[in-house]
Amino acid sequence: MTEDGHFVVISGRRWRATDPAIPEEVAAELRKTLTAARRDVGRALPAGEDPKPARARVQAAKVALGERGTPWWEQSLEERRRRWEEGLG
């Protein structure tokens, strides 16, 4: 984790950290959604199917977690809450 808490460093590469304000039960549900979407991308590719719908779900989950889109540290708590609630719905 970087000193400011905005990023995690894995194998020398910086990745945006999940929004720490997300309640754990909500974050767990969003991670479950993300994992399922990633699995669907992995199934679509070798089957010759279009992975775009699954990739869109990956993107939506990553945005809801605060790992993509507007950085969570630049958003108000209300904007952050709205972001993760939309990701659940």
Protein backbone atom coordinates (compact mmCIF):
# COMPACT_ATOMS: atom_id res chain seq x y z
CA MET A 1 0.00 0.00 0.00
CA THR A 2 1.29 3.46 -0.82
CA GLU A 3 1.66 5.91 2.06
CA ASP A 4 -1.44 7.86 1.03
CA GLY A 5 -3.51 4.63 0.87
CA HIS A 6 -4.62 5.32 -2.69
CA PHE A 7 -2.76 2.46 -4.34
CA VAL A 8 -1.53 -1.06 -3.69
CA VAL A 9 1.76 -2.15 -5.20
CA ILE A 10 1.95 -5.69 -6.56
CA SER A 11 5.13 -6.92 -8.24
CA GLY A 12 6.28 -3.33 -8.63
CA ARG A 13 3.08 -2.24 -10.36
CA ARG A 14 0.72 0.28 -8.83
CA TRP A 15 -3.01 -0.50 -8.76
CA ARG A 16 -5.76 1.73 -7.39
CA ALA A 17 -6.93 0.53 -3.99
CA THR A 18 -10.54 -0.32 -3.23
CA ASP A 19 -12.43 2.52 -1.57
CA PRO A 20 -11.92 1.99 2.19
CA ALA A 21 -15.29 3.62 2.99
CA ILE A 22 -17.23 0.75 1.40
CA PRO A 23 -18.79 -1.38 4.16
CA GLU A 24 -17.18 -4.83 4.19
CA GLU A 25 -20.41 -6.70 3.36
CA VAL A 26 -20.96 -4.43 0.34
CA ALA A 27 -17.33 -4.78 -0.78
CA ALA A 28 -17.61 -8.57 -0.48
CA GLU A 29 -20.72 -8.58 -2.69
CA LEU A 30 -19.01 -6.35 -5.27
CA ARG A 31 -15.92 -8.62 -5.27
CA LYS A 32 -18.21 -11.62 -5.80
CA THR A 33 -19.79 -9.84 -8.78
CA LEU A 34 -16.33 -8.97 -10.13
CA THR A 35 -15.11 -12.55 -9.81
CA ALA A 36 -18.17 -13.92 -11.61
CA ALA A 37 -17.76 -11.39 -14.43
CA ARG A 38 -14.07 -12.24 -14.82
CA ARG A 39 -14.96 -15.93 -14.92
CA ASP A 40 -17.51 -15.21 -17.67
CA VAL A 41 -14.86 -13.37 -19.72
CA GLY A 42 -12.62 -16.41 -19.34
CA ARG A 43 -15.39 -18.73 -20.55
CA ALA A 44 -16.44 -16.54 -23.47
CA LEU A 45 -13.03 -16.22 -25.10
CA PRO A 46 -12.22 -19.90 -25.74
CA ALA A 47 -15.86 -20.56 -26.68
CA GLY A 48 -15.62 -17.94 -29.42
CA GLU A 49 -18.39 -15.89 -27.78
CA ASP A 50 -18.50 -12.11 -27.47
CA PRO A 51 -16.81 -11.16 -24.17
CA LYS A 52 -18.07 -7.54 -24.27
CA PRO A 53 -21.07 -8.04 -21.95
CA ALA A 54 -18.89 -9.75 -19.34
CA ARG A 55 -16.16 -7.13 -19.71
CA ALA A 56 -18.77 -4.41 -19.17
CA ARG A 57 -19.74 -6.14 -15.91
CA VAL A 58 -16.07 -6.25 -14.88
CA GLN A 59 -15.82 -2.52 -15.57
CA ALA A 60 -19.00 -1.77 -13.59
CA ALA A 61 -17.77 -3.76 -10.58
CA LYS A 62 -14.33 -2.11 -10.67
CA VAL A 63 -15.96 1.35 -10.82
CA ALA A 64 -18.27 0.46 -7.92
CA LEU A 65 -15.26 -0.65 -5.86
CA GLY A 66 -13.54 2.65 -6.63
CA GLU A 67 -10.73 0.98 -8.56
CA ARG A 68 -11.67 2.70 -11.83
CA GLY A 69 -13.43 5.89 -12.83
CA THR A 70 -13.16 9.06 -10.76
CA PRO A 71 -10.68 8.43 -7.93
CA TRP A 72 -12.56 7.84 -4.67
CA TRP A 73 -10.35 10.33 -2.82
CA GLU A 74 -11.66 13.06 -5.15
CA GLN A 75 -15.30 12.28 -4.36
CA SER A 76 -17.50 13.27 -1.43
CA LEU A 77 -18.70 10.48 0.83
CA GLU A 78 -22.18 10.85 -0.69
CA GLU A 79 -20.79 10.44 -4.23
CA ARG A 80 -18.82 7.41 -3.09
CA ARG A 81 -21.89 5.85 -1.45
CA ARG A 82 -23.96 6.47 -4.58
CA ARG A 83 -21.23 4.83 -6.70
CA TRP A 84 -21.12 1.60 -4.72
CA GLU A 85 -24.92 1.44 -4.30
CA GLU A 86 -25.35 1.76 -8.07
CA GLY A 87 -22.85 -1.06 -8.46
CA LEU A 88 -25.05 -3.32 -6.36
CA GLY A 89 -28.22 -2.50 -8.23
